[in-house]
């Protein structure tokens, strides 16, 4: 974040606590282990607001770097259980819904960017690229046969 833009962001929001909507997804966002084994990520209902000291992971580190180190603003995490789908035109659930409905100020999560979501909210550049892709074997090259010129003309066309 550039220094001039961070000053505008900080002054426009005063010193109120920001809500960062997120979702539990290891290793990005995890509940810190406690002595009480009955408390786990699945037992935390959506809408729960957690202090940063209760969670750990890459998204927590990123939030700390942005909010504490750079902007020096207080923040907490709003827990969601869905990433966000458009239920009907302009109506969203999950993390996208929390942003659209202004229940949260921003989101830091392992969220896939797609066209519908891009129309609803603004995205930064992705903060991590896993390089995951789908691969298939290259088709074997075949020499053209005597009647290869007729290949586009299937019997269904005739």
Protein backbone atom coordinates (compact mmCIF):
# COMPACT_ATOMS: atom_id res chain seq x y z
CA UNK A 1 0.00 0.00 0.00
CA UNK A 2 1.44 3.33 -1.00
CA UNK A 3 1.97 5.80 1.85
CA UNK A 4 -0.42 8.44 0.44
CA UNK A 5 -3.24 5.93 -0.14
CA UNK A 6 -2.83 4.41 3.34
CA UNK A 7 -3.17 7.86 4.91
CA UNK A 8 -6.42 8.48 2.98
CA UNK A 9 -7.77 5.05 4.01
CA UNK A 10 -6.79 5.55 7.65
CA UNK A 11 -8.26 9.06 7.95
CA UNK A 12 -11.47 8.20 6.11
CA UNK A 13 -12.25 5.42 8.61
CA UNK A 14 -10.98 7.13 11.77
CA UNK A 15 -9.99 4.62 14.43
CA UNK A 16 -12.91 2.19 14.42
CA UNK A 17 -12.25 -1.55 14.45
CA UNK A 18 -12.35 -3.02 10.94
CA UNK A 19 -14.04 -6.34 10.30
CA UNK A 20 -12.17 -8.68 7.98
CA UNK A 21 -14.44 -11.44 6.72
CA UNK A 22 -12.71 -14.77 6.26
CA UNK A 23 -13.26 -18.52 6.22
CA UNK A 24 -11.39 -21.33 7.94
CA UNK A 25 -9.12 -22.96 5.35
CA UNK A 26 -5.81 -24.48 6.41
CA UNK A 27 -3.05 -23.13 6.12
CA UNK A 28 -4.56 -19.72 5.35
CA UNK A 29 -6.89 -19.36 8.36
CA UNK A 30 -6.94 -21.69 11.36
CA UNK A 31 -8.16 -21.55 14.93
CA UNK A 32 -5.27 -21.61 17.40
CA UNK A 33 -5.11 -24.85 19.34
CA UNK A 34 -6.42 -24.61 22.89
CA UNK A 35 -6.63 -26.98 25.83
CA UNK A 36 -10.37 -27.27 25.24
CA UNK A 37 -10.57 -29.85 22.46
CA UNK A 38 -14.34 -29.33 22.04
CA UNK A 39 -13.63 -25.92 20.50
CA UNK A 40 -12.62 -26.35 16.88
CA UNK A 41 -13.17 -24.62 13.55
CA UNK A 42 -16.39 -26.54 12.89
CA UNK A 43 -17.85 -25.46 16.25
CA UNK A 44 -17.46 -21.74 15.45
CA UNK A 45 -20.72 -20.51 13.86
CA UNK A 46 -20.80 -18.07 10.95
CA UNK A 47 -21.04 -14.47 12.10
CA UNK A 48 -18.67 -15.02 15.02
CA UNK A 49 -16.22 -12.17 15.54
CA UNK A 50 -12.77 -13.34 16.63
CA UNK A 51 -9.81 -11.43 17.97
CA UNK A 52 -6.64 -11.87 15.87
CA UNK A 53 -4.98 -13.60 18.83
CA UNK A 54 -7.47 -16.51 18.49
CA UNK A 55 -6.44 -17.45 14.95
CA UNK A 56 -3.31 -18.15 12.93
CA UNK A 57 -2.26 -18.68 9.34
CA UNK A 58 -1.11 -16.85 6.24
CA UNK A 59 -4.21 -14.60 6.08
CA UNK A 60 -3.72 -13.59 9.73
CA UNK A 61 -0.09 -12.66 8.99
CA UNK A 62 -1.19 -10.64 5.96
CA UNK A 63 -3.89 -8.82 7.98
CA UNK A 64 -1.34 -7.99 10.65
CA UNK A 65 1.10 -6.61 8.07
CA UNK A 66 -1.59 -4.41 6.51
CA UNK A 67 -3.61 -3.30 9.54
CA UNK A 68 -1.04 -3.26 12.36
CA UNK A 69 2.26 -2.56 10.65
CA UNK A 70 1.20 -0.33 7.75
CA UNK A 71 -2.11 1.36 8.62
CA UNK A 72 -2.00 1.04 12.41
CA UNK A 73 -5.74 0.38 12.68
CA UNK A 74 -7.59 -2.11 14.92
CA UNK A 75 -9.25 -5.13 13.31
CA UNK A 76 -11.08 -8.36 14.08
CA UNK A 77 -12.12 -11.35 11.98
CA UNK A 78 -15.72 -12.05 10.99
CA UNK A 79 -16.08 -15.80 10.39
CA UNK A 80 -18.09 -17.01 7.39
CA UNK A 81 -18.78 -20.58 6.31
CA UNK A 82 -19.25 -19.96 2.57
CA UNK A 83 -17.07 -18.25 0.00
CA UNK A 84 -19.95 -16.53 -1.77
CA UNK A 85 -22.42 -17.31 -4.50
CA UNK A 86 -24.96 -15.10 -6.20
CA UNK A 87 -28.33 -16.45 -5.03
CA UNK A 88 -30.28 -14.14 -7.31
CA UNK A 89 -29.34 -10.99 -9.20
CA UNK A 90 -27.38 -8.78 -6.80
CA UNK A 91 -28.02 -11.00 -3.74
CA UNK A 92 -24.96 -12.84 -2.42
CA UNK A 93 -24.24 -15.19 0.45
CA UNK A 94 -20.96 -15.97 2.19
CA UNK A 95 -17.95 -13.68 2.27
CA UNK A 96 -19.01 -11.82 -0.88
CA UNK A 97 -22.42 -11.19 0.72
CA UNK A 98 -20.76 -9.79 3.86
CA UNK A 99 -18.84 -7.30 1.70
CA UNK A 100 -21.79 -6.37 -0.55
CA UNK A 101 -24.06 -5.87 2.49
CA UNK A 102 -21.35 -3.87 4.30
CA UNK A 103 -21.22 -6.30 7.23
CA UNK A 104 -17.43 -6.40 6.71
CA UNK A 105 -14.87 -3.87 5.52
CA UNK A 106 -12.65 -6.25 3.56
CA UNK A 107 -11.89 -9.92 3.07
CA UNK A 108 -8.60 -11.76 3.29
CA UNK A 109 -9.04 -15.40 2.29
CA UNK A 110 -8.15 -18.08 -0.20
CA UNK A 111 -10.95 -17.01 -2.51
CA UNK A 112 -11.13 -17.80 -6.22
CA UNK A 113 -11.68 -14.80 -8.48
CA UNK A 114 -14.39 -15.32 -11.08
CA UNK A 115 -16.37 -13.06 -13.39
CA UNK A 116 -19.52 -12.88 -11.26
CA UNK A 117 -17.58 -12.06 -8.10
CA UNK A 118 -15.53 -9.42 -9.93
CA UNK A 119 -18.75 -7.63 -10.83
CA UNK A 120 -19.83 -7.54 -7.17
CA UNK A 121 -16.58 -6.60 -5.37
CA UNK A 122 -13.09 -5.30 -6.15
CA UNK A 123 -10.18 -7.71 -5.91
CA UNK A 124 -6.50 -7.03 -5.35
CA UNK A 125 -3.96 -9.00 -7.29
CA UNK A 126 -3.83 -12.56 -5.90
CA UNK A 127 -1.40 -12.79 -2.98
CA UNK A 128 -0.45 -16.39 -3.73
CA UNK A 129 -0.29 -18.47 -6.89
CA UNK A 130 -0.24 -22.19 -6.27
CA UNK A 131 0.39 -23.04 -9.91
CA UNK A 132 -2.32 -25.69 -9.88
CA UNK A 133 -3.50 -26.72 -13.31
CA UNK A 134 -5.09 -29.61 -15.16
CA UNK A 135 -2.95 -31.51 -17.63
CA UNK A 136 -3.74 -34.06 -20.31
CA UNK A 137 -1.53 -36.16 -22.54
CA UNK A 138 -0.77 -34.62 -25.91
CA UNK A 139 -2.69 -36.40 -28.65
CA UNK A 140 -0.49 -38.53 -30.84
CA UNK A 141 0.08 -37.11 -34.28
CA UNK A 142 -1.34 -39.25 -37.05
CA UNK A 143 -0.28 -39.21 -40.65
CA UNK A 144 -3.08 -38.14 -42.95
CA UNK A 145 -4.79 -41.05 -44.70
CA UNK A 146 -5.98 -41.30 -48.29
CA UNK A 147 -9.48 -40.09 -47.38
CA UNK A 148 -8.49 -37.56 -44.69
CA UNK A 149 -9.87 -34.71 -46.81
CA UNK A 150 -13.34 -36.17 -46.12
CA UNK A 151 -12.94 -36.20 -42.31
CA UNK A 152 -14.93 -32.97 -41.80
CA UNK A 153 -17.80 -34.47 -43.82
CA UNK A 154 -19.30 -36.99 -41.42
CA UNK A 155 -22.15 -39.25 -42.49
CA UNK A 156 -24.53 -37.24 -40.23
CA UNK A 157 -24.02 -34.25 -42.52
CA UNK A 158 -24.76 -36.32 -45.63
